[in-house]
Amino acid sequence: MRRVSRRAFARDAVIVAGAAAVMPNALAAETPPAPPNPEVEARIQWILTKYGSRLNDAQRADIRRLITGGQSSIDAMRAYPLDNSVGPT
């Protein structure tokens, strides 16, 4: 097993972190934006209607990011087939 010094590890970690920070921006420029999901937009509008007067622009953007990011988990749960006869375990 090859020993790696702390200095070499830190240098490599910075290089990898820098590459990871640049990659999403390059990929985002190549792919067109996805059409908005009506369910996500409805959730965001509900939150903004209820709490919008207390939120700044950064918080509104964070809410949009969190709701959009969580939608894939919701879709995965809905795709799992369950009958009414299946009870909790």
PDB file of N, CA and C in Angstrom:
ATOM      1  N   MET A   1       0.839  -1.166   0.000  1.00  0.00           N
ATOM      2  CA  MET A   1       0.000   0.000   0.000  1.00  0.00           C
ATOM      3  C   MET A   1       0.892   1.238   0.000  1.00  0.00           C
ATOM      4  N   ARG A   2       0.561   2.186  -0.837  1.00  0.00           N
ATOM      5  CA  ARG A   2       1.340   3.412  -0.962  1.00  0.00           C
ATOM      6  C   ARG A   2       0.933   4.412   0.104  1.00  0.00           C
ATOM      7  N   ARG A   3       1.907   4.988   0.763  1.00  0.00           N
ATOM      8  CA  ARG A   3       1.618   5.991   1.787  1.00  0.00           C
ATOM      9  C   ARG A   3       1.471   7.351   1.121  1.00  0.00           C
ATOM     10  N   VAL A   4       0.493   8.094   1.564  1.00  0.00           N
ATOM     11  CA  VAL A   4       0.238   9.421   1.021  1.00  0.00           C
ATOM     12  C   VAL A   4       0.432  10.429   2.146  1.00  0.00           C
ATOM     13  N   SER A   5       1.214  11.443   1.882  1.00  0.00           N
ATOM     14  CA  SER A   5       1.432  12.464   2.907  1.00  0.00           C
ATOM     15  C   SER A   5       0.187  13.336   3.037  1.00  0.00           C
ATOM     16  N   ARG A   6       0.072  14.010   4.153  1.00  0.00           N
ATOM     17  CA  ARG A   6      -1.068  14.903   4.365  1.00  0.00           C
ATOM     18  C   ARG A   6      -1.075  16.021   3.337  1.00  0.00           C
ATOM     19  N   ARG A   7       0.101  16.505   2.997  1.00  0.00           N
ATOM     20  CA  ARG A   7       0.203  17.591   2.017  1.00  0.00           C
ATOM     21  C   ARG A   7      -0.296  17.125   0.649  1.00  0.00           C
ATOM     22  N   ALA A   8       0.108  15.925   0.226  1.00  0.00           N
ATOM     23  CA  ALA A   8      -0.334  15.395  -1.065  1.00  0.00           C
ATOM     24  C   ALA A   8      -1.833  15.123  -1.057  1.00  0.00           C
ATOM     25  N   PHE A   9      -2.331  14.618   0.054  1.00  0.00           N
ATOM     26  CA  PHE A   9      -3.775  14.360   0.157  1.00  0.00           C
ATOM     27  C   PHE A   9      -4.558  15.664   0.057  1.00  0.00           C
ATOM     28  N   ALA A  10      -4.116  16.700   0.778  1.00  0.00           N
ATOM     29  CA  ALA A  10      -4.807  17.993   0.744  1.00  0.00           C
ATOM     30  C   ALA A  10      -4.761  18.588  -0.655  1.00  0.00           C
ATOM     31  N   ARG A  11      -3.611  18.488  -1.335  1.00  0.00           N
ATOM     32  CA  ARG A  11      -3.495  19.016  -2.696  1.00  0.00           C
ATOM     33  C   ARG A  11      -4.478  18.301  -3.622  1.00  0.00           C
ATOM     34  N   ASP A  12      -4.517  16.976  -3.542  1.00  0.00           N
ATOM     35  CA  ASP A  12      -5.425  16.210  -4.393  1.00  0.00           C
ATOM     36  C   ASP A  12      -6.886  16.511  -4.073  1.00  0.00           C
ATOM     37  N   ALA A  13      -7.192  16.706  -2.795  1.00  0.00           N
ATOM     38  CA  ALA A  13      -8.565  17.021  -2.406  1.00  0.00           C
ATOM     39  C   ALA A  13      -9.000  18.365  -2.975  1.00  0.00           C
ATOM     40  N   VAL A  14      -8.105  19.341  -2.962  1.00  0.00           N
ATOM     41  CA  VAL A  14      -8.431  20.655  -3.523  1.00  0.00           C
ATOM     42  C   VAL A  14      -8.648  20.552  -5.030  1.00  0.00           C
ATOM     43  N   ILE A  15      -7.827  19.762  -5.701  1.00  0.00           N
ATOM     44  CA  ILE A  15      -7.973  19.595  -7.150  1.00  0.00           C
ATOM     45  C   ILE A  15      -9.314  18.946  -7.483  1.00  0.00           C
ATOM     46  N   VAL A  16      -9.674  17.900  -6.744  1.00  0.00           N
ATOM     47  CA  VAL A  16     -10.945  17.210  -6.991  1.00  0.00           C
ATOM     48  C   VAL A  16     -12.122  18.121  -6.672  1.00  0.00           C
ATOM     49  N   ALA A  17     -12.046  18.879  -5.572  1.00  0.00           N
ATOM     50  CA  ALA A  17     -13.132  19.786  -5.207  1.00  0.00           C
ATOM     51  C   ALA A  17     -13.292  20.872  -6.265  1.00  0.00           C
ATOM     52  N   GLY A  18     -12.196  21.372  -6.780  1.00  0.00           N
ATOM     53  CA  GLY A  18     -12.271  22.386  -7.827  1.00  0.00           C
ATOM     54  C   GLY A  18     -12.900  21.849  -9.092  1.00  0.00           C
ATOM     55  N   ALA A  19     -12.532  20.628  -9.459  1.00  0.00           N
ATOM     56  CA  ALA A  19     -13.109  20.012 -10.651  1.00  0.00           C
ATOM     57  C   ALA A  19     -14.601  19.752 -10.463  1.00  0.00           C
ATOM     58  N   ALA A  20     -14.989  19.336  -9.274  1.00  0.00           N
ATOM     59  CA  ALA A  20     -16.409  19.075  -9.003  1.00  0.00           C
ATOM     60  C   ALA A  20     -17.214  20.359  -9.030  1.00  0.00           C
ATOM     61  N   ALA A  21     -16.602  21.455  -8.610  1.00  0.00           N
ATOM     62  CA  ALA A  21     -17.311  22.732  -8.617  1.00  0.00           C
ATOM     63  C   ALA A  21     -17.511  23.250 -10.031  1.00  0.00           C
ATOM     64  N   VAL A  22     -16.600  22.935 -10.935  1.00  0.00           N
ATOM     65  CA  VAL A  22     -16.686  23.413 -12.309  1.00  0.00           C
ATOM     66  C   VAL A  22     -17.593  22.538 -13.156  1.00  0.00           C
ATOM     67  N   MET A  23     -17.617  21.244 -12.905  1.00  0.00           N
ATOM     68  CA  MET A  23     -18.361  20.304 -13.737  1.00  0.00           C
ATOM     69  C   MET A  23     -19.854  20.590 -13.811  1.00  0.00           C
ATOM     70  N   PRO A  24     -20.565  20.817 -12.692  1.00  0.00           N
ATOM     71  CA  PRO A  24     -22.004  21.048 -12.819  1.00  0.00           C
ATOM     72  C   PRO A  24     -22.321  22.264 -13.677  1.00  0.00           C
ATOM     73  N   ASN A  25     -21.506  23.311 -13.599  1.00  0.00           N
ATOM     74  CA  ASN A  25     -21.761  24.494 -14.412  1.00  0.00           C
ATOM     75  C   ASN A  25     -21.595  24.189 -15.894  1.00  0.00           C
ATOM     76  N   ALA A  26     -20.624  23.388 -16.236  1.00  0.00           N
ATOM     77  CA  ALA A  26     -20.409  23.029 -17.636  1.00  0.00           C
ATOM     78  C   ALA A  26     -21.562  22.170 -18.146  1.00  0.00           C
ATOM     79  N   LEU A  27     -22.039  21.242 -17.321  1.00  0.00           N
ATOM     80  CA  LEU A  27     -23.149  20.385 -17.737  1.00  0.00           C
ATOM     81  C   LEU A  27     -24.447  21.170 -17.833  1.00  0.00           C
ATOM     82  N   ALA A  28     -24.651  22.129 -16.944  1.00  0.00           N
ATOM     83  CA  ALA A  28     -25.886  22.913 -16.953  1.00  0.00           C
ATOM     84  C   ALA A  28     -25.973  23.764 -18.215  1.00  0.00           C
ATOM     85  N   ALA A  29     -24.848  24.214 -18.729  1.00  0.00           N
ATOM     86  CA  ALA A  29     -24.860  25.032 -19.933  1.00  0.00           C
ATOM     87  C   ALA A  29     -25.248  24.207 -21.154  1.00  0.00           C
ATOM     88  N   GLU A  30     -25.009  22.911 -21.124  1.00  0.00           N
ATOM     89  CA  GLU A  30     -25.290  22.057 -22.274  1.00  0.00           C
ATOM     90  C   GLU A  30     -26.724  21.534 -22.298  1.00  0.00           C
ATOM     91  N   THR A  31     -27.346  21.370 -21.145  1.00  0.00           N
ATOM     92  CA  THR A  31     -28.680  20.781 -21.091  1.00  0.00           C
ATOM     93  C   THR A  31     -29.736  21.874 -20.950  1.00  0.00           C
ATOM     94  N   PRO A  32     -30.824  21.771 -21.701  1.00  0.00           N
ATOM     95  CA  PRO A  32     -31.893  22.760 -21.569  1.00  0.00           C
ATOM     96  C   PRO A  32     -32.641  22.543 -20.242  1.00  0.00           C
ATOM     97  N   PRO A  33     -33.229  23.576 -19.687  1.00  0.00           N
ATOM     98  CA  PRO A  33     -33.953  23.409 -18.425  1.00  0.00           C
ATOM     99  C   PRO A  33     -35.193  22.542 -18.608  1.00  0.00           C
ATOM    100  N   ALA A  34     -35.497  21.768 -17.580  1.00  0.00           N
ATOM    101  CA  ALA A  34     -36.666  20.890 -17.618  1.00  0.00           C
ATOM    102  C   ALA A  34     -37.932  21.734 -17.456  1.00  0.00           C
ATOM    103  N   PRO A  35     -39.025  21.285 -18.052  1.00  0.00           N
ATOM    104  CA  PRO A  35     -40.276  22.035 -17.868  1.00  0.00           C
ATOM    105  C   PRO A  35     -40.708  21.968 -16.406  1.00  0.00           C
ATOM    106  N   PRO A  36     -41.312  23.025 -15.887  1.00  0.00           N
ATOM    107  CA  PRO A  36     -41.698  23.029 -14.474  1.00  0.00           C
ATOM    108  C   PRO A  36     -42.775  21.989 -14.180  1.00  0.00           C
ATOM    109  N   ASN A  37     -42.642  21.352 -13.049  1.00  0.00           N
ATOM    110  CA  ASN A  37     -43.611  20.362 -12.597  1.00  0.00           C
ATOM    111  C   ASN A  37     -44.763  21.108 -11.921  1.00  0.00           C
ATOM    112  N   PRO A  38     -46.002  20.904 -12.355  1.00  0.00           N
ATOM    113  CA  PRO A  38     -47.129  21.637 -11.766  1.00  0.00           C
ATOM    114  C   PRO A  38     -47.291  21.369 -10.267  1.00  0.00           C
ATOM    115  N   GLU A  39     -46.995  20.157  -9.834  1.00  0.00           N
ATOM    116  CA  GLU A  39     -47.124  19.832  -8.414  1.00  0.00           C
ATOM    117  C   GLU A  39     -46.094  20.598  -7.592  1.00  0.00           C
ATOM    118  N   VAL A  40     -44.869  20.684  -8.094  1.00  0.00           N
ATOM    119  CA  VAL A  40     -43.817  21.432  -7.409  1.00  0.00           C
ATOM    120  C   VAL A  40     -44.190  22.905  -7.355  1.00  0.00           C
ATOM    121  N   GLU A  41     -44.639  23.436  -8.472  1.00  0.00           N
ATOM    122  CA  GLU A  41     -45.020  24.850  -8.512  1.00  0.00           C
ATOM    123  C   GLU A  41     -46.167  25.142  -7.549  1.00  0.00           C
ATOM    124  N   ALA A  42     -47.124  24.219  -7.438  1.00  0.00           N
ATOM    125  CA  ALA A  42     -48.237  24.423  -6.512  1.00  0.00           C
ATOM    126  C   ALA A  42     -47.760  24.436  -5.062  1.00  0.00           C
ATOM    127  N   ARG A  43     -46.830  23.547  -4.705  1.00  0.00           N
ATOM    128  CA  ARG A  43     -46.275  23.533  -3.348  1.00  0.00           C
ATOM    129  C   ARG A  43     -45.532  24.826  -3.037  1.00  0.00           C
ATOM    130  N   ILE A  44     -44.728  25.265  -4.003  1.00  0.00           N
ATOM    131  CA  ILE A  44     -43.961  26.498  -3.809  1.00  0.00           C
ATOM    132  C   ILE A  44     -44.908  27.683  -3.643  1.00  0.00           C
ATOM    133  N   GLN A  45     -45.931  27.762  -4.473  1.00  0.00           N
ATOM    134  CA  GLN A  45     -46.888  28.867  -4.368  1.00  0.00           C
ATOM    135  C   GLN A  45     -47.633  28.844  -3.040  1.00  0.00           C
ATOM    136  N   TRP A  46     -47.953  27.648  -2.541  1.00  0.00           N
ATOM    137  CA  TRP A  46     -48.631  27.542  -1.252  1.00  0.00           C
ATOM    138  C   TRP A  46     -47.754  28.107  -0.137  1.00  0.00           C
ATOM    139  N   ILE A  47     -46.463  27.731  -0.162  1.00  0.00           N
ATOM    140  CA  ILE A  47     -45.536  28.224   0.867  1.00  0.00           C
ATOM    141  C   ILE A  47     -45.347  29.730   0.741  1.00  0.00           C
ATOM    142  N   LEU A  48     -45.197  30.221  -0.481  1.00  0.00           N
ATOM    143  CA  LEU A  48     -44.994  31.657  -0.677  1.00  0.00           C
ATOM    144  C   LEU A  48     -46.235  32.460  -0.318  1.00  0.00           C
ATOM    145  N   THR A  49     -47.407  31.882  -0.539  1.00  0.00           N
ATOM    146  CA  THR A  49     -48.634  32.562  -0.144  1.00  0.00           C
ATOM    147  C   THR A  49     -48.729  32.665   1.373  1.00  0.00           C
ATOM    148  N   LYS A  50     -48.321  31.601   2.032  1.00  0.00           N
ATOM    149  CA  LYS A  50     -48.429  31.564   3.489  1.00  0.00           C
ATOM    150  C   LYS A  50     -47.324  32.365   4.184  1.00  0.00           C
ATOM    151  N   TYR A  51     -46.073  32.243   3.702  1.00  0.00           N
ATOM    152  CA  TYR A  51     -44.935  32.844   4.396  1.00  0.00           C
ATOM    153  C   TYR A  51     -44.153  33.848   3.551  1.00  0.00           C
ATOM    154  N   GLY A  52     -44.603  34.133   2.357  1.00  0.00           N
ATOM    155  CA  GLY A  52     -43.837  34.950   1.421  1.00  0.00           C
ATOM    156  C   GLY A  52     -43.458  36.324   1.929  1.00  0.00           C
ATOM    157  N   SER A  53     -44.298  36.943   2.710  1.00  0.00           N
ATOM    158  CA  SER A  53     -43.986  38.298   3.195  1.00  0.00           C
ATOM    159  C   SER A  53     -42.811  38.300   4.156  1.00  0.00           C
ATOM    160  N   ARG A  54     -42.496  37.148   4.745  1.00  0.00           N
ATOM    161  CA  ARG A  54     -41.387  37.062   5.707  1.00  0.00           C
ATOM    162  C   ARG A  54     -40.091  36.560   5.086  1.00  0.00           C
ATOM    163  N   LEU A  55     -40.109  36.219   3.798  1.00  0.00           N
ATOM    164  CA  LEU A  55     -38.947  35.603   3.158  1.00  0.00           C
ATOM    165  C   LEU A  55     -38.231  36.583   2.240  1.00  0.00           C
ATOM    166  N   ASN A  56     -36.896  36.524   2.241  1.00  0.00           N
ATOM    167  CA  ASN A  56     -36.130  37.319   1.282  1.00  0.00           C
ATOM    168  C   ASN A  56     -35.898  36.471   0.026  1.00  0.00           C
ATOM    169  N   ASP A  57     -35.217  37.050  -0.958  1.00  0.00           N
ATOM    170  CA  ASP A  57     -35.031  36.350  -2.238  1.00  0.00           C
ATOM    171  C   ASP A  57     -34.201  35.084  -2.089  1.00  0.00           C
ATOM    172  N   ALA A  58     -33.183  35.116  -1.237  1.00  0.00           N
ATOM    173  CA  ALA A  58     -32.343  33.926  -1.037  1.00  0.00           C
ATOM    174  C   ALA A  58     -33.153  32.796  -0.409  1.00  0.00           C
ATOM    175  N   GLN A  59     -34.021  33.118   0.536  1.00  0.00           N
ATOM    176  CA  GLN A  59     -34.848  32.098   1.179  1.00  0.00           C
ATOM    177  C   GLN A  59     -35.870  31.537   0.200  1.00  0.00           C
ATOM    178  N   ARG A  60     -36.411  32.388  -0.662  1.00  0.00           N
ATOM    179  CA  ARG A  60     -37.349  31.906  -1.681  1.00  0.00           C
ATOM    180  C   ARG A  60     -36.661  30.945  -2.649  1.00  0.00           C
ATOM    181  N   ALA A  61     -35.440  31.281  -3.043  1.00  0.00           N
ATOM    182  CA  ALA A  61     -34.682  30.403  -3.936  1.00  0.00           C
ATOM    183  C   ALA A  61     -34.350  29.093  -3.243  1.00  0.00           C
ATOM    184  N   ASP A  62     -34.053  29.145  -1.938  1.00  0.00           N
ATOM    185  CA  ASP A  62     -33.748  27.935  -1.182  1.00  0.00           C
ATOM    186  C   ASP A  62     -34.980  27.039  -1.084  1.00  0.00           C
ATOM    187  N   ILE A  63     -36.141  27.627  -0.888  1.00  0.00           N
ATOM    188  CA  ILE A  63     -37.386  26.849  -0.842  1.00  0.00           C
ATOM    189  C   ILE A  63     -37.626  26.168  -2.190  1.00  0.00           C
ATOM    190  N   ARG A  64     -37.423  26.902  -3.266  1.00  0.00           N
ATOM    191  CA  ARG A  64     -37.603  26.324  -4.602  1.00  0.00           C
ATOM    192  C   ARG A  64     -36.638  25.156  -4.807  1.00  0.00           C
ATOM    193  N   ARG A  65     -35.383  25.319  -4.394  1.00  0.00           N
ATOM    194  CA  ARG A  65     -34.382  24.265  -4.542  1.00  0.00           C
ATOM    195  C   ARG A  65     -34.756  23.030  -3.726  1.00  0.00           C
ATOM    196  N   LEU A  66     -35.185  23.235  -2.476  1.00  0.00           N
ATOM    197  CA  LEU A  66     -35.527  22.103  -1.606  1.00  0.00           C
ATOM    198  C   LEU A  66     -36.749  21.348  -2.107  1.00  0.00           C
ATOM    199  N   ILE A  67     -37.771  22.066  -2.512  1.00  0.00           N
ATOM    200  CA  ILE A  67     -39.002  21.415  -2.988  1.00  0.00           C
ATOM    201  C   ILE A  67     -38.723  20.660  -4.293  1.00  0.00           C
ATOM    202  N   THR A  68     -37.985  21.289  -5.193  1.00  0.00           N
ATOM    203  CA  THR A  68     -37.664  20.642  -6.472  1.00  0.00           C
ATOM    204  C   THR A  68     -36.806  19.411  -6.248  1.00  0.00           C
ATOM    205  N   GLY A  69     -35.845  19.492  -5.347  1.00  0.00           N
ATOM    206  CA  GLY A  69     -34.971  18.359  -5.067  1.00  0.00           C
ATOM    207  C   GLY A  69     -35.680  17.191  -4.417  1.00  0.00           C
ATOM    208  N   GLY A  70     -36.703  17.460  -3.626  1.00  0.00           N
ATOM    209  CA  GLY A  70     -37.429  16.394  -2.944  1.00  0.00           C
ATOM    210  C   GLY A  70     -38.466  15.697  -3.803  1.00  0.00           C
ATOM    211  N   GLN A  71     -38.792  16.278  -4.938  1.00  0.00           N
ATOM    212  CA  GLN A  71     -39.844  15.711  -5.775  1.00  0.00           C
ATOM    213  C   GLN A  71     -39.484  14.336  -6.308  1.00  0.00           C
ATOM    214  N   SER A  72     -38.208  14.090  -6.596  1.00  0.00           N
ATOM    215  CA  SER A  72     -37.831  12.773  -7.132  1.00  0.00           C
ATOM    216  C   SER A  72     -38.099  11.668  -6.115  1.00  0.00           C
ATOM    217  N   SER A  73     -37.925  11.946  -4.830  1.00  0.00           N
ATOM    218  CA  SER A  73     -38.231  10.952  -3.790  1.00  0.00           C
ATOM    219  C   SER A  73     -39.730  10.678  -3.727  1.00  0.00           C
ATOM    220  N   ILE A  74     -40.520  11.714  -3.853  1.00  0.00           N
ATOM    221  CA  ILE A  74     -41.977  11.552  -3.842  1.00  0.00           C
ATOM    222  C   ILE A  74     -42.423  10.719  -5.035  1.00  0.00           C
ATOM    223  N   ASP A  75     -41.863  11.006  -6.199  1.00  0.00           N
ATOM    224  CA  ASP A  75     -42.212  10.237  -7.403  1.00  0.00           C
ATOM    225  C   ASP A  75     -41.819   8.775  -7.263  1.00  0.00           C
ATOM    226  N   ALA A  76     -40.670   8.511  -6.632  1.00  0.00           N
ATOM    227  CA  ALA A  76     -40.231   7.125  -6.437  1.00  0.00           C
ATOM    228  C   ALA A  76     -41.174   6.377  -5.495  1.00  0.00           C
ATOM    229  N   MET A  77     -41.639   7.035  -4.437  1.00  0.00           N
ATOM    230  CA  MET A  77     -42.584   6.376  -3.520  1.00  0.00           C
ATOM    231  C   MET A  77     -43.910   6.101  -4.207  1.00  0.00           C
ATOM    232  N   ARG A  78     -44.362   7.036  -5.015  1.00  0.00           N
ATOM    233  CA  ARG A  78     -45.637   6.840  -5.712  1.00  0.00           C
ATOM    234  C   ARG A  78     -45.551   5.725  -6.751  1.00  0.00           C
ATOM    235  N   ALA A  79     -44.384   5.510  -7.306  1.00  0.00           N
ATOM    236  CA  ALA A  79     -44.222   4.480  -8.333  1.00  0.00           C
ATOM    237  C   ALA A  79     -44.228   3.080  -7.744  1.00  0.00           C
ATOM    238  N   TYR A  80     -44.033   2.940  -6.450  1.00  0.00           N
ATOM    239  CA  TYR A  80     -44.000   1.631  -5.814  1.00  0.00           C
ATOM    240  C   TYR A  80     -45.424   1.093  -5.713  1.00  0.00           C
ATOM    241  N   PRO A  81     -45.699  -0.081  -6.298  1.00  0.00           N
ATOM    242  CA  PRO A  81     -47.069  -0.594  -6.326  1.00  0.00           C
ATOM    243  C   PRO A  81     -47.489  -1.145  -4.963  1.00  0.00           C
ATOM    244  N   LEU A  82     -48.610  -0.679  -4.473  1.00  0.00           N
ATOM    245  CA  LEU A  82     -49.201  -1.173  -3.226  1.00  0.00           C
ATOM    246  C   LEU A  82     -50.698  -1.376  -3.434  1.00  0.00           C
ATOM    247  N   ASP A  83     -51.199  -2.435  -2.887  1.00  0.00           N
ATOM    248  CA  ASP A  83     -52.629  -2.678  -2.877  1.00  0.00           C
ATOM    249  C   ASP A  83     -53.204  -2.191  -1.556  1.00  0.00           C
ATOM    250  N   ASN A  84     -54.503  -2.058  -1.499  1.00  0.00           N
ATOM    251  CA  ASN A  84     -55.155  -1.663  -0.247  1.00  0.00           C
ATOM    252  C   ASN A  84     -55.012  -2.753   0.821  1.00  0.00           C
ATOM    253  N   SER A  85     -54.745  -3.976   0.390  1.00  0.00           N
ATOM    254  CA  SER A  85     -54.637  -5.082   1.355  1.00  0.00           C
ATOM    255  C   SER A  85     -53.285  -5.100   2.071  1.00  0.00           C
ATOM    256  N   VAL A  86     -52.321  -4.316   1.602  1.00  0.00           N
ATOM    257  CA  VAL A  86     -50.992  -4.282   2.226  1.00  0.00           C
ATOM    258  C   VAL A  86     -51.048  -3.385   3.438  1.00  0.00           C
ATOM    259  N   GLY A  87     -50.748  -3.957   4.591  1.00  0.00           N
ATOM    260  CA  GLY A  87     -50.769  -3.192   5.820  1.00  0.00           C
ATOM    261  C   GLY A  87     -49.397  -2.720   6.227  1.00  0.00           C
ATOM    262  N   PRO A  88     -49.318  -1.896   7.257  1.00  0.00           N
ATOM    263  CA  PRO A  88     -48.010  -1.434   7.732  1.00  0.00           C
ATOM    264  C   PRO A  88     -47.235  -2.595   8.345  1.00  0.00           C
ATOM    265  N   THR A  89     -45.924  -2.503   8.244  1.00  0.00           N
ATOM    266  CA  THR A  89     -45.101  -3.561   8.810  1.00  0.00           C
ATOM    267  C   THR A  89     -44.399  -3.099  10.048  1.00  0.00           C
TER     268      THR A  89
END
